[in-house]
N, C-alpha and C. Protein backbone atom coordinates (compact mmCIF):
# COMPACT_ATOMS: atom_id res chain seq x y z
N UNK A 1 4.50 -26.14 5.43
CA UNK A 1 5.73 -25.56 4.93
C UNK A 1 5.77 -25.63 3.40
N UNK A 2 5.32 -26.76 2.83
CA UNK A 2 5.31 -26.89 1.37
C UNK A 2 4.39 -25.85 0.74
N UNK A 3 3.22 -25.64 1.35
CA UNK A 3 2.27 -24.66 0.82
C UNK A 3 2.85 -23.25 0.89
N UNK A 4 3.52 -22.93 1.98
CA UNK A 4 4.10 -21.61 2.14
C UNK A 4 5.24 -21.37 1.15
N UNK A 5 5.90 -22.43 0.73
CA UNK A 5 6.96 -22.28 -0.27
C UNK A 5 6.38 -21.99 -1.65
N UNK A 6 5.20 -22.57 -1.94
CA UNK A 6 4.59 -22.43 -3.26
C UNK A 6 3.88 -21.09 -3.41
N UNK A 7 3.02 -20.77 -2.44
CA UNK A 7 2.22 -19.54 -2.54
C UNK A 7 2.04 -18.93 -1.16
N UNK A 8 3.08 -18.33 -0.60
CA UNK A 8 3.01 -17.83 0.77
C UNK A 8 1.92 -16.79 1.01
N UNK A 9 1.74 -15.87 0.08
CA UNK A 9 0.74 -14.81 0.28
C UNK A 9 -0.67 -15.39 0.32
N UNK A 10 -1.00 -16.27 -0.63
CA UNK A 10 -2.34 -16.85 -0.67
C UNK A 10 -2.61 -17.73 0.54
N UNK A 11 -1.62 -18.52 0.95
CA UNK A 11 -1.80 -19.40 2.11
C UNK A 11 -1.99 -18.57 3.37
N UNK A 12 -1.15 -17.55 3.54
CA UNK A 12 -1.27 -16.70 4.72
C UNK A 12 -2.62 -16.00 4.75
N UNK A 13 -3.07 -15.47 3.62
CA UNK A 13 -4.37 -14.80 3.55
C UNK A 13 -5.49 -15.76 3.95
N UNK A 14 -5.45 -16.99 3.43
CA UNK A 14 -6.51 -17.97 3.70
C UNK A 14 -6.54 -18.36 5.17
N UNK A 15 -5.37 -18.57 5.76
CA UNK A 15 -5.31 -18.95 7.17
C UNK A 15 -5.83 -17.82 8.05
N UNK A 16 -5.43 -16.60 7.76
CA UNK A 16 -5.87 -15.46 8.56
C UNK A 16 -7.37 -15.27 8.45
N UNK A 17 -7.90 -15.37 7.23
CA UNK A 17 -9.33 -15.22 7.01
C UNK A 17 -10.11 -16.28 7.77
N UNK A 18 -9.66 -17.53 7.68
CA UNK A 18 -10.35 -18.63 8.36
C UNK A 18 -10.27 -18.46 9.87
N UNK A 19 -9.11 -18.07 10.38
CA UNK A 19 -8.95 -17.89 11.82
C UNK A 19 -9.86 -16.78 12.34
N UNK A 20 -10.00 -15.70 11.59
CA UNK A 20 -10.85 -14.59 12.02
C UNK A 20 -12.31 -14.99 12.07
N UNK A 21 -12.77 -15.74 11.06
CA UNK A 21 -14.17 -16.12 11.00
C UNK A 21 -14.48 -17.33 11.87
N UNK A 22 -13.48 -18.18 12.12
CA UNK A 22 -13.71 -19.39 12.90
C UNK A 22 -14.21 -19.06 14.30
N UNK A 23 -13.72 -17.97 14.86
CA UNK A 23 -14.13 -17.59 16.21
C UNK A 23 -15.63 -17.37 16.30
N UNK A 24 -16.21 -16.81 15.26
CA UNK A 24 -17.63 -16.45 15.29
C UNK A 24 -18.55 -17.66 15.21
N UNK A 25 -18.11 -18.73 14.57
CA UNK A 25 -18.99 -19.89 14.36
C UNK A 25 -18.54 -21.13 15.12
N UNK A 26 -17.55 -21.00 15.98
CA UNK A 26 -17.15 -22.11 16.81
C UNK A 26 -16.28 -23.15 16.15
N UNK A 27 -15.58 -22.79 15.08
CA UNK A 27 -14.67 -23.73 14.42
C UNK A 27 -13.35 -23.75 15.20
N UNK A 28 -12.84 -24.95 15.45
CA UNK A 28 -11.54 -25.10 16.09
C UNK A 28 -10.50 -25.34 14.99
N UNK A 29 -9.63 -24.40 14.80
CA UNK A 29 -8.62 -24.49 13.74
C UNK A 29 -7.30 -24.96 14.33
N UNK A 30 -6.78 -26.05 13.80
CA UNK A 30 -5.50 -26.60 14.26
C UNK A 30 -4.52 -26.58 13.09
N UNK A 31 -3.42 -25.88 13.26
CA UNK A 31 -2.36 -25.83 12.24
C UNK A 31 -1.15 -26.59 12.76
N UNK A 32 -0.56 -27.42 11.92
CA UNK A 32 0.61 -28.19 12.34
C UNK A 32 1.70 -28.10 11.28
N UNK A 33 2.94 -28.06 11.72
CA UNK A 33 4.07 -28.06 10.79
C UNK A 33 5.27 -28.72 11.45
N UNK A 34 6.11 -29.33 10.65
CA UNK A 34 7.37 -29.89 11.13
C UNK A 34 8.52 -28.92 10.87
N UNK A 35 8.19 -27.75 10.34
CA UNK A 35 9.21 -26.75 10.02
C UNK A 35 8.90 -25.43 10.73
N UNK A 36 9.23 -25.33 12.02
CA UNK A 36 8.93 -24.09 12.75
C UNK A 36 9.92 -22.98 12.43
N UNK A 37 9.75 -22.40 11.23
CA UNK A 37 10.61 -21.30 10.79
C UNK A 37 9.78 -20.04 10.64
N UNK A 38 10.44 -18.89 10.68
CA UNK A 38 9.72 -17.62 10.61
C UNK A 38 9.08 -17.41 9.24
N UNK A 39 9.60 -18.05 8.19
CA UNK A 39 8.97 -17.90 6.89
C UNK A 39 7.80 -18.85 6.69
N UNK A 40 7.59 -19.75 7.64
CA UNK A 40 6.44 -20.66 7.62
C UNK A 40 5.38 -20.19 8.61
N UNK A 41 5.80 -19.97 9.85
CA UNK A 41 4.89 -19.43 10.88
C UNK A 41 5.14 -17.93 10.95
N UNK A 42 4.45 -17.18 10.12
CA UNK A 42 4.68 -15.74 10.02
C UNK A 42 4.07 -14.99 11.19
N UNK A 43 4.45 -13.74 11.33
CA UNK A 43 3.90 -12.92 12.40
C UNK A 43 2.40 -12.77 12.33
N UNK A 44 1.85 -12.62 11.10
CA UNK A 44 0.41 -12.49 10.93
C UNK A 44 -0.32 -13.77 11.33
N UNK A 45 0.24 -14.91 10.99
CA UNK A 45 -0.37 -16.19 11.38
C UNK A 45 -0.35 -16.34 12.90
N UNK A 46 0.79 -16.03 13.53
CA UNK A 46 0.90 -16.15 14.98
C UNK A 46 -0.08 -15.23 15.69
N UNK A 47 -0.30 -14.04 15.14
CA UNK A 47 -1.22 -13.09 15.77
C UNK A 47 -2.65 -13.61 15.77
N UNK A 48 -3.01 -14.43 14.78
CA UNK A 48 -4.37 -14.94 14.68
C UNK A 48 -4.53 -16.34 15.24
N UNK A 49 -3.44 -16.96 15.67
CA UNK A 49 -3.51 -18.29 16.31
C UNK A 49 -2.78 -18.17 17.65
N UNK A 50 -3.44 -17.61 18.68
CA UNK A 50 -2.75 -17.27 19.92
C UNK A 50 -2.39 -18.46 20.81
N UNK A 51 -3.13 -19.57 20.72
CA UNK A 51 -2.80 -20.74 21.54
C UNK A 51 -1.79 -21.60 20.80
N UNK A 52 -0.76 -22.07 21.51
CA UNK A 52 0.33 -22.80 20.84
C UNK A 52 0.66 -24.10 21.58
N UNK A 53 1.08 -25.09 20.83
CA UNK A 53 1.60 -26.35 21.38
C UNK A 53 2.93 -26.64 20.69
N UNK A 54 3.93 -27.01 21.46
CA UNK A 54 5.23 -27.37 20.89
C UNK A 54 5.65 -28.74 21.41
N UNK A 55 6.01 -29.61 20.49
CA UNK A 55 6.64 -30.88 20.86
C UNK A 55 8.15 -30.65 20.86
N UNK A 56 8.92 -31.70 21.05
CA UNK A 56 10.37 -31.56 21.13
C UNK A 56 10.94 -30.98 19.83
N UNK A 57 11.75 -29.95 19.94
CA UNK A 57 12.41 -29.34 18.79
C UNK A 57 13.92 -29.39 19.00
N UNK A 58 14.66 -29.10 17.95
CA UNK A 58 16.12 -29.27 18.00
C UNK A 58 16.87 -28.07 18.57
N UNK A 59 16.22 -26.91 18.64
CA UNK A 59 16.95 -25.73 19.10
C UNK A 59 16.02 -24.76 19.82
N UNK A 60 16.62 -23.88 20.61
CA UNK A 60 15.85 -22.85 21.30
C UNK A 60 15.23 -21.88 20.31
N UNK A 61 15.88 -21.67 19.17
CA UNK A 61 15.33 -20.79 18.14
C UNK A 61 13.98 -21.31 17.65
N UNK A 62 13.90 -22.62 17.38
CA UNK A 62 12.64 -23.21 16.95
C UNK A 62 11.57 -23.06 18.02
N UNK A 63 11.97 -23.24 19.28
CA UNK A 63 11.02 -23.09 20.39
C UNK A 63 10.47 -21.67 20.45
N UNK A 64 11.33 -20.69 20.22
CA UNK A 64 10.89 -19.29 20.26
C UNK A 64 9.93 -18.96 19.11
N UNK A 65 10.14 -19.58 17.96
CA UNK A 65 9.22 -19.34 16.84
C UNK A 65 7.82 -19.80 17.20
N UNK A 66 7.72 -20.94 17.90
CA UNK A 66 6.41 -21.49 18.25
C UNK A 66 5.81 -20.81 19.47
N UNK A 67 6.59 -20.74 20.55
CA UNK A 67 6.06 -20.33 21.85
C UNK A 67 6.45 -18.91 22.26
N UNK A 68 7.30 -18.26 21.49
CA UNK A 68 7.86 -16.95 21.85
C UNK A 68 8.78 -17.04 23.07
N UNK A 69 9.22 -18.24 23.41
CA UNK A 69 10.19 -18.43 24.48
C UNK A 69 10.79 -19.83 24.37
N UNK A 70 11.92 -20.03 25.03
CA UNK A 70 12.58 -21.32 24.98
C UNK A 70 11.88 -22.35 25.85
N UNK A 71 12.34 -23.59 25.75
CA UNK A 71 11.78 -24.66 26.58
C UNK A 71 11.52 -25.94 25.82
N UNK A 72 11.01 -25.81 24.60
CA UNK A 72 10.65 -26.99 23.82
C UNK A 72 11.88 -27.79 23.40
N UNK A 73 13.05 -27.14 23.39
CA UNK A 73 14.27 -27.85 23.01
C UNK A 73 14.70 -28.86 24.09
N UNK A 74 14.10 -28.77 25.29
CA UNK A 74 14.46 -29.67 26.39
C UNK A 74 13.45 -30.79 26.60
N UNK A 75 12.42 -30.85 25.77
CA UNK A 75 11.40 -31.89 25.92
C UNK A 75 11.96 -33.26 25.57
N UNK A 76 11.28 -34.31 26.05
CA UNK A 76 11.80 -35.67 25.96
C UNK A 76 11.30 -36.44 24.75
N UNK A 77 10.34 -35.90 24.01
CA UNK A 77 9.74 -36.65 22.91
C UNK A 77 8.64 -37.57 23.40
N UNK A 78 8.15 -38.44 22.51
CA UNK A 78 7.10 -39.39 22.88
C UNK A 78 5.86 -38.70 23.46
N UNK A 79 5.45 -37.58 22.87
CA UNK A 79 4.24 -36.88 23.32
C UNK A 79 4.47 -35.84 24.39
N UNK A 80 5.69 -35.71 24.88
CA UNK A 80 6.01 -34.67 25.86
C UNK A 80 5.90 -33.31 25.16
N UNK A 81 5.09 -32.39 25.72
CA UNK A 81 4.86 -31.14 25.00
C UNK A 81 4.60 -29.99 25.96
N UNK A 82 4.74 -28.78 25.42
CA UNK A 82 4.43 -27.56 26.16
C UNK A 82 3.22 -26.89 25.52
N UNK A 83 2.30 -26.45 26.37
CA UNK A 83 1.05 -25.83 25.91
C UNK A 83 1.00 -24.40 26.43
N UNK A 84 0.78 -23.47 25.50
CA UNK A 84 0.64 -22.06 25.85
C UNK A 84 -0.77 -21.62 25.48
N UNK A 85 -1.70 -21.59 26.45
CA UNK A 85 -3.10 -21.23 26.13
C UNK A 85 -3.27 -19.73 25.91
N UNK A 86 -4.40 -19.39 25.32
CA UNK A 86 -4.73 -17.99 25.07
C UNK A 86 -4.82 -17.21 26.37
N UNK A 87 -4.25 -16.02 26.38
CA UNK A 87 -4.40 -15.13 27.52
C UNK A 87 -3.35 -15.25 28.60
N UNK A 88 -2.34 -16.10 28.42
CA UNK A 88 -1.30 -16.23 29.43
C UNK A 88 0.03 -16.55 28.76
N UNK A 89 1.11 -16.14 29.40
CA UNK A 89 2.44 -16.47 28.88
C UNK A 89 3.03 -17.66 29.63
N UNK A 90 2.28 -18.19 30.59
CA UNK A 90 2.77 -19.32 31.39
C UNK A 90 2.59 -20.62 30.62
N UNK A 91 3.65 -21.39 30.50
CA UNK A 91 3.59 -22.65 29.77
C UNK A 91 3.12 -23.79 30.67
N UNK A 92 2.35 -24.70 30.10
CA UNK A 92 1.92 -25.90 30.80
C UNK A 92 2.58 -27.11 30.14
N UNK A 93 3.19 -27.96 30.94
CA UNK A 93 3.80 -29.16 30.39
C UNK A 93 2.77 -30.29 30.42
N UNK A 94 2.53 -30.89 29.28
CA UNK A 94 1.45 -31.86 29.13
C UNK A 94 1.99 -33.11 28.43
N UNK A 95 1.39 -34.26 28.76
CA UNK A 95 1.73 -35.49 28.06
C UNK A 95 0.67 -35.78 27.01
N UNK A 96 1.04 -35.74 25.75
CA UNK A 96 0.10 -36.04 24.68
C UNK A 96 -0.10 -37.54 24.51
N UNK A 97 -1.33 -37.93 24.21
CA UNK A 97 -1.65 -39.36 24.04
C UNK A 97 -1.61 -39.73 22.56
N UNK A 98 -1.14 -40.93 22.27
CA UNK A 98 -1.10 -41.40 20.89
C UNK A 98 -2.46 -41.98 20.52
N UNK A 99 -3.01 -41.54 19.40
CA UNK A 99 -4.28 -42.05 18.89
C UNK A 99 -4.01 -42.68 17.53
N UNK A 100 -4.31 -43.96 17.39
CA UNK A 100 -4.01 -44.67 16.15
C UNK A 100 -4.99 -44.30 15.05
N UNK A 101 -4.64 -44.59 13.82
CA UNK A 101 -5.52 -44.32 12.69
C UNK A 101 -6.82 -45.11 12.80
N UNK A 102 -6.74 -46.33 13.34
CA UNK A 102 -7.95 -47.15 13.51
C UNK A 102 -8.92 -46.49 14.49
N UNK A 103 -8.40 -45.94 15.57
CA UNK A 103 -9.25 -45.26 16.55
C UNK A 103 -9.88 -44.01 15.95
N UNK A 104 -9.11 -43.28 15.17
CA UNK A 104 -9.65 -42.09 14.52
C UNK A 104 -10.76 -42.47 13.56
N UNK A 105 -10.57 -43.55 12.80
CA UNK A 105 -11.58 -44.01 11.84
C UNK A 105 -12.87 -44.39 12.56
N UNK A 106 -12.78 -45.03 13.72
CA UNK A 106 -13.96 -45.41 14.49
C UNK A 106 -14.74 -44.19 14.96
N UNK A 107 -14.02 -43.18 15.44
CA UNK A 107 -14.68 -41.95 15.91
C UNK A 107 -15.36 -41.23 14.75
N UNK A 108 -14.67 -41.14 13.61
CA UNK A 108 -15.24 -40.47 12.44
C UNK A 108 -16.48 -41.20 11.96
N UNK A 109 -16.44 -42.52 11.93
CA UNK A 109 -17.58 -43.30 11.47
C UNK A 109 -18.77 -43.13 12.41
N UNK A 110 -18.53 -43.11 13.71
CA UNK A 110 -19.61 -42.91 14.67
C UNK A 110 -20.23 -41.52 14.50
N UNK A 111 -19.39 -40.52 14.29
CA UNK A 111 -19.89 -39.16 14.08
C UNK A 111 -20.71 -39.07 12.80
N UNK A 112 -20.25 -39.75 11.76
CA UNK A 112 -20.94 -39.73 10.47
C UNK A 112 -22.35 -40.34 10.57
N UNK A 113 -22.53 -41.32 11.45
CA UNK A 113 -23.81 -42.01 11.57
C UNK A 113 -24.84 -41.24 12.39
N UNK A 114 -24.39 -40.21 13.10
CA UNK A 114 -25.31 -39.43 13.91
C UNK A 114 -26.24 -38.60 13.02
N UNK A 115 -27.40 -38.30 13.56
CA UNK A 115 -28.35 -37.45 12.83
C UNK A 115 -27.82 -36.03 12.76
N UNK A 116 -27.95 -35.43 11.59
CA UNK A 116 -27.44 -34.07 11.42
C UNK A 116 -28.27 -33.08 12.22
N UNK A 117 -27.59 -32.10 12.79
CA UNK A 117 -28.26 -31.06 13.57
C UNK A 117 -27.94 -29.70 12.97
N UNK A 118 -28.93 -28.83 12.95
CA UNK A 118 -28.75 -27.48 12.43
C UNK A 118 -28.99 -26.48 13.54
N UNK A 119 -27.99 -25.68 13.81
CA UNK A 119 -28.13 -24.59 14.77
C UNK A 119 -28.58 -23.36 14.00
N UNK A 120 -29.86 -22.99 14.15
CA UNK A 120 -30.42 -21.91 13.35
C UNK A 120 -29.77 -20.55 13.65
N UNK A 121 -29.08 -20.46 14.78
CA UNK A 121 -28.42 -19.18 15.08
C UNK A 121 -27.34 -18.85 14.06
N UNK A 122 -26.80 -19.90 13.39
CA UNK A 122 -25.77 -19.66 12.38
C UNK A 122 -26.34 -18.99 11.13
N UNK A 123 -27.68 -19.02 10.99
CA UNK A 123 -28.29 -18.36 9.84
C UNK A 123 -28.17 -16.85 9.95
N UNK A 124 -27.81 -16.35 11.13
CA UNK A 124 -27.69 -14.91 11.35
C UNK A 124 -26.24 -14.45 11.22
N UNK A 125 -25.41 -15.20 10.49
CA UNK A 125 -23.99 -14.87 10.37
C UNK A 125 -23.71 -13.46 9.86
N UNK A 126 -24.52 -12.94 8.90
CA UNK A 126 -24.24 -11.56 8.46
C UNK A 126 -24.20 -10.56 9.60
N UNK A 127 -25.07 -10.75 10.62
CA UNK A 127 -25.07 -9.85 11.76
C UNK A 127 -23.84 -10.08 12.63
N UNK A 128 -23.42 -11.35 12.75
CA UNK A 128 -22.24 -11.66 13.55
C UNK A 128 -21.01 -11.00 12.96
N UNK A 129 -20.94 -11.00 11.62
CA UNK A 129 -19.76 -10.46 10.95
C UNK A 129 -19.83 -8.96 10.72
N UNK A 130 -20.92 -8.32 11.14
CA UNK A 130 -21.09 -6.91 10.83
C UNK A 130 -19.94 -6.06 11.37
N UNK A 131 -19.43 -6.44 12.55
CA UNK A 131 -18.34 -5.66 13.14
C UNK A 131 -17.04 -5.80 12.38
N UNK A 132 -16.95 -6.81 11.49
CA UNK A 132 -15.72 -7.03 10.73
C UNK A 132 -15.65 -6.17 9.49
N UNK A 133 -16.77 -5.51 9.15
CA UNK A 133 -16.82 -4.70 7.95
C UNK A 133 -16.20 -3.35 8.23
N UNK A 134 -15.45 -2.83 7.30
CA UNK A 134 -14.80 -1.52 7.47
C UNK A 134 -15.84 -0.42 7.52
N UNK A 135 -15.44 0.70 8.11
CA UNK A 135 -16.36 1.83 8.23
C UNK A 135 -16.87 2.29 6.88
N UNK A 136 -16.02 2.26 5.85
CA UNK A 136 -16.43 2.72 4.53
C UNK A 136 -17.53 1.85 3.95
N UNK A 137 -17.63 0.58 4.41
CA UNK A 137 -18.65 -0.32 3.90
C UNK A 137 -19.99 -0.10 4.58
N UNK A 138 -19.98 0.64 5.70
CA UNK A 138 -21.21 0.81 6.45
C UNK A 138 -22.20 1.72 5.73
N UNK A 139 -21.73 2.49 4.78
CA UNK A 139 -22.59 3.39 4.04
C UNK A 139 -23.10 2.70 2.78
N UNK A 140 -24.38 2.80 2.52
CA UNK A 140 -24.96 2.08 1.40
C UNK A 140 -24.61 2.66 0.05
N UNK A 141 -24.00 3.85 0.00
CA UNK A 141 -23.76 4.50 -1.28
C UNK A 141 -22.30 4.43 -1.72
N UNK A 142 -21.49 3.50 -1.12
CA UNK A 142 -20.08 3.45 -1.51
C UNK A 142 -19.96 2.88 -2.91
N UNK A 143 -18.92 3.33 -3.61
CA UNK A 143 -18.66 2.89 -4.98
C UNK A 143 -17.68 1.74 -4.94
N UNK A 144 -18.06 0.54 -5.43
CA UNK A 144 -17.16 -0.61 -5.38
C UNK A 144 -15.94 -0.46 -6.28
N UNK A 145 -15.93 0.55 -7.15
CA UNK A 145 -14.79 0.77 -8.04
C UNK A 145 -14.00 2.02 -7.66
N UNK A 146 -14.18 2.50 -6.44
CA UNK A 146 -13.44 3.68 -6.00
C UNK A 146 -13.10 3.53 -4.53
N UNK A 147 -11.97 4.05 -4.14
CA UNK A 147 -11.54 4.00 -2.75
C UNK A 147 -10.47 5.07 -2.57
N UNK A 148 -10.54 5.86 -1.51
CA UNK A 148 -9.54 6.91 -1.31
C UNK A 148 -8.11 6.38 -1.14
N UNK A 149 -7.97 5.10 -0.84
CA UNK A 149 -6.65 4.51 -0.68
C UNK A 149 -6.15 3.82 -1.95
N UNK A 150 -6.92 3.93 -3.03
CA UNK A 150 -6.56 3.22 -4.26
C UNK A 150 -5.20 3.65 -4.79
N UNK A 151 -4.93 4.98 -4.81
CA UNK A 151 -3.64 5.47 -5.31
C UNK A 151 -2.48 4.89 -4.50
N UNK A 152 -2.66 4.87 -3.18
CA UNK A 152 -1.62 4.31 -2.31
C UNK A 152 -1.40 2.83 -2.61
N UNK A 153 -2.50 2.12 -2.82
CA UNK A 153 -2.41 0.68 -3.12
C UNK A 153 -1.67 0.46 -4.44
N UNK A 154 -1.96 1.30 -5.43
CA UNK A 154 -1.26 1.19 -6.72
C UNK A 154 0.24 1.41 -6.54
N UNK A 155 0.61 2.44 -5.78
CA UNK A 155 2.03 2.73 -5.55
C UNK A 155 2.73 1.56 -4.87
N UNK A 156 2.09 0.99 -3.86
CA UNK A 156 2.70 -0.12 -3.12
C UNK A 156 2.93 -1.32 -4.03
N UNK A 157 1.90 -1.68 -4.78
CA UNK A 157 1.98 -2.86 -5.64
C UNK A 157 3.01 -2.68 -6.75
N UNK A 158 3.01 -1.51 -7.38
CA UNK A 158 3.94 -1.27 -8.49
C UNK A 158 5.38 -1.17 -8.00
N UNK A 159 5.58 -0.48 -6.89
CA UNK A 159 6.95 -0.30 -6.38
C UNK A 159 7.55 -1.59 -5.84
N UNK A 160 6.72 -2.44 -5.24
CA UNK A 160 7.23 -3.71 -4.70
C UNK A 160 7.13 -4.84 -5.71
N UNK A 161 6.36 -4.61 -6.80
CA UNK A 161 6.11 -5.67 -7.80
C UNK A 161 5.55 -6.92 -7.14
N UNK A 162 4.71 -6.70 -6.13
CA UNK A 162 4.05 -7.78 -5.40
C UNK A 162 2.61 -7.37 -5.15
N UNK A 163 1.69 -8.32 -5.33
CA UNK A 163 0.27 -8.02 -5.12
C UNK A 163 -0.37 -9.11 -4.28
N UNK A 164 -0.71 -8.76 -3.05
CA UNK A 164 -1.41 -9.71 -2.18
C UNK A 164 -2.25 -8.94 -1.17
N UNK A 165 -3.29 -9.58 -0.68
CA UNK A 165 -4.17 -8.95 0.30
C UNK A 165 -3.39 -8.64 1.58
N UNK A 166 -2.54 -9.58 2.01
CA UNK A 166 -1.80 -9.36 3.26
C UNK A 166 -0.85 -8.17 3.16
N UNK A 167 -0.25 -7.96 1.99
CA UNK A 167 0.64 -6.81 1.80
C UNK A 167 -0.14 -5.50 1.95
N UNK A 168 -1.31 -5.43 1.31
CA UNK A 168 -2.15 -4.22 1.41
C UNK A 168 -2.59 -4.01 2.85
N UNK A 169 -2.95 -5.10 3.54
CA UNK A 169 -3.35 -4.98 4.94
C UNK A 169 -2.24 -4.37 5.78
N UNK A 170 -1.04 -4.89 5.62
CA UNK A 170 0.08 -4.42 6.45
C UNK A 170 0.47 -2.99 6.13
N UNK A 171 0.59 -2.66 4.85
CA UNK A 171 1.09 -1.34 4.46
C UNK A 171 0.05 -0.24 4.71
N UNK A 172 -1.22 -0.54 4.45
CA UNK A 172 -2.26 0.49 4.59
C UNK A 172 -3.03 0.39 5.91
N UNK A 173 -2.75 -0.66 6.67
CA UNK A 173 -3.41 -0.86 7.97
C UNK A 173 -4.93 -0.87 7.84
N UNK A 174 -5.41 -1.71 6.94
CA UNK A 174 -6.85 -1.85 6.73
C UNK A 174 -7.23 -3.30 6.99
N UNK A 175 -8.54 -3.55 7.07
CA UNK A 175 -9.03 -4.91 7.30
C UNK A 175 -8.97 -5.76 6.04
N UNK A 176 -9.26 -7.04 6.23
CA UNK A 176 -9.20 -8.00 5.11
C UNK A 176 -10.20 -7.62 4.02
N UNK A 177 -11.42 -7.23 4.42
CA UNK A 177 -12.46 -6.92 3.43
C UNK A 177 -12.03 -5.79 2.51
N UNK A 178 -11.55 -4.70 3.10
CA UNK A 178 -11.16 -3.55 2.28
C UNK A 178 -9.93 -3.85 1.43
N UNK A 179 -8.97 -4.57 2.01
CA UNK A 179 -7.77 -4.93 1.25
C UNK A 179 -8.13 -5.82 0.06
N UNK A 180 -9.05 -6.76 0.28
CA UNK A 180 -9.48 -7.62 -0.82
C UNK A 180 -10.17 -6.83 -1.92
N UNK A 181 -10.96 -5.82 -1.52
CA UNK A 181 -11.64 -4.99 -2.51
C UNK A 181 -10.63 -4.17 -3.32
N UNK A 182 -9.59 -3.68 -2.66
CA UNK A 182 -8.56 -2.92 -3.37
C UNK A 182 -7.84 -3.81 -4.39
N UNK A 183 -7.56 -5.05 -4.02
CA UNK A 183 -6.94 -5.99 -4.96
C UNK A 183 -7.85 -6.21 -6.16
N UNK A 184 -9.16 -6.34 -5.92
CA UNK A 184 -10.11 -6.51 -7.02
C UNK A 184 -10.09 -5.30 -7.96
N UNK A 185 -10.00 -4.10 -7.38
CA UNK A 185 -9.94 -2.88 -8.19
C UNK A 185 -8.69 -2.86 -9.07
N UNK A 186 -7.57 -3.26 -8.49
CA UNK A 186 -6.32 -3.29 -9.26
C UNK A 186 -6.41 -4.29 -10.41
N UNK A 187 -7.08 -5.39 -10.16
CA UNK A 187 -7.26 -6.39 -11.23
C UNK A 187 -8.14 -5.83 -12.35
N UNK A 188 -9.24 -5.17 -11.98
CA UNK A 188 -10.15 -4.62 -13.00
C UNK A 188 -9.47 -3.54 -13.83
N UNK A 189 -8.51 -2.83 -13.24
CA UNK A 189 -7.81 -1.78 -13.97
C UNK A 189 -6.63 -2.32 -14.78
N UNK A 190 -6.41 -3.63 -14.74
CA UNK A 190 -5.33 -4.22 -15.52
C UNK A 190 -3.95 -4.01 -14.94
N UNK A 191 -3.90 -3.64 -13.66
CA UNK A 191 -2.61 -3.40 -13.02
C UNK A 191 -1.97 -4.71 -12.55
N UNK A 192 -2.81 -5.65 -12.14
CA UNK A 192 -2.32 -6.96 -11.71
C UNK A 192 -3.10 -8.04 -12.44
N UNK A 193 -2.55 -9.24 -12.44
CA UNK A 193 -3.21 -10.36 -13.12
C UNK A 193 -4.37 -10.87 -12.27
N UNK A 194 -5.21 -11.70 -12.88
CA UNK A 194 -6.32 -12.29 -12.16
C UNK A 194 -5.87 -13.41 -11.23
N UNK A 195 -6.80 -13.92 -10.45
CA UNK A 195 -6.50 -15.00 -9.52
C UNK A 195 -6.13 -16.26 -10.29
N UNK A 196 -5.01 -16.88 -9.94
CA UNK A 196 -4.52 -18.07 -10.64
C UNK A 196 -4.25 -19.21 -9.67
N UNK A 197 -5.15 -19.41 -8.73
CA UNK A 197 -4.99 -20.51 -7.78
C UNK A 197 -3.80 -20.30 -6.87
N UNK A 198 -2.89 -21.26 -6.84
CA UNK A 198 -1.74 -21.21 -5.94
C UNK A 198 -0.65 -20.25 -6.42
N UNK A 199 -0.75 -19.79 -7.66
CA UNK A 199 0.27 -18.90 -8.19
C UNK A 199 0.06 -17.47 -7.67
N UNK A 200 1.13 -16.75 -7.33
CA UNK A 200 0.96 -15.36 -6.91
C UNK A 200 0.53 -14.49 -8.09
N UNK A 201 -0.22 -13.44 -7.79
CA UNK A 201 -0.65 -12.52 -8.85
C UNK A 201 0.58 -11.79 -9.42
N UNK A 202 0.55 -11.54 -10.73
CA UNK A 202 1.64 -10.82 -11.38
C UNK A 202 1.29 -9.34 -11.51
N UNK A 203 2.27 -8.48 -11.29
CA UNK A 203 2.09 -7.04 -11.49
C UNK A 203 2.41 -6.76 -12.96
N UNK A 204 1.43 -6.17 -13.68
CA UNK A 204 1.52 -6.04 -15.13
C UNK A 204 2.08 -4.70 -15.59
N UNK A 205 2.39 -3.80 -14.66
CA UNK A 205 2.94 -2.49 -15.03
C UNK A 205 4.21 -2.26 -14.22
N UNK A 206 5.02 -1.28 -14.66
CA UNK A 206 6.24 -0.96 -13.92
C UNK A 206 6.20 0.49 -13.45
N UNK A 207 7.26 0.90 -12.76
CA UNK A 207 7.27 2.24 -12.14
C UNK A 207 7.24 3.36 -13.16
N UNK A 208 7.66 3.10 -14.39
CA UNK A 208 7.63 4.15 -15.41
C UNK A 208 6.20 4.56 -15.75
N UNK A 209 5.24 3.68 -15.48
CA UNK A 209 3.83 3.97 -15.76
C UNK A 209 3.08 4.44 -14.52
N UNK A 210 3.76 4.48 -13.38
CA UNK A 210 3.09 4.78 -12.12
C UNK A 210 2.45 6.16 -12.11
N UNK A 211 3.15 7.18 -12.58
CA UNK A 211 2.61 8.55 -12.55
C UNK A 211 1.32 8.64 -13.36
N UNK A 212 1.29 8.00 -14.51
CA UNK A 212 0.09 8.02 -15.35
C UNK A 212 -1.08 7.33 -14.66
N UNK A 213 -0.82 6.21 -14.03
CA UNK A 213 -1.88 5.45 -13.37
C UNK A 213 -2.50 6.24 -12.23
N UNK A 214 -1.65 6.84 -11.39
CA UNK A 214 -2.14 7.61 -10.25
C UNK A 214 -2.84 8.87 -10.72
N UNK A 215 -2.31 9.52 -11.74
CA UNK A 215 -2.92 10.75 -12.26
C UNK A 215 -4.31 10.47 -12.83
N UNK A 216 -4.47 9.33 -13.52
CA UNK A 216 -5.76 8.99 -14.11
C UNK A 216 -6.81 8.70 -13.06
N UNK A 217 -6.39 8.17 -11.90
CA UNK A 217 -7.33 7.85 -10.85
C UNK A 217 -7.68 9.08 -10.02
């Protein structure tokens, strides 16, 4: 919740990107929050994290944010939880076990002492991710500084005075790769500021300059 308050667009982009790629390499991504609000658990995050667990919450509204249905507001606490696995809307009531920090440290230390193993199949990741590349990227002669959707991207960013990959994805209905490339193009053209860590990118032009920008492109 704290991260989403500071830089919601960057955090959402990072979570979505990690969730999309985690499936291909077997990473188990677990997200936890004590603030089940719609501005913390956004629709895009929920779409990419389909399995859900809810512990006791204070209201049916909080339960719906997590599970898309009520029920968690009636849990008893002390590890009592509802589990909604991928592919079903049926909830499973489960008792969670408490694991102390000492037990976690022992497991981590044992894992650290094991001999490292390399699965050579992961060296073929470019082929695994090939289906994630947009159609426009499939051609070897594409121009990294041109895109037929660039004018639309400029209009969206200037009119909303907001610049983020997730915004471009939603408005133009494109994948993460293409949206990220459009953001890079806007930065190179001086329309938005460069990447500044947790700070959101700044839009450096206003609507009075929009016609000139689109006409030049």
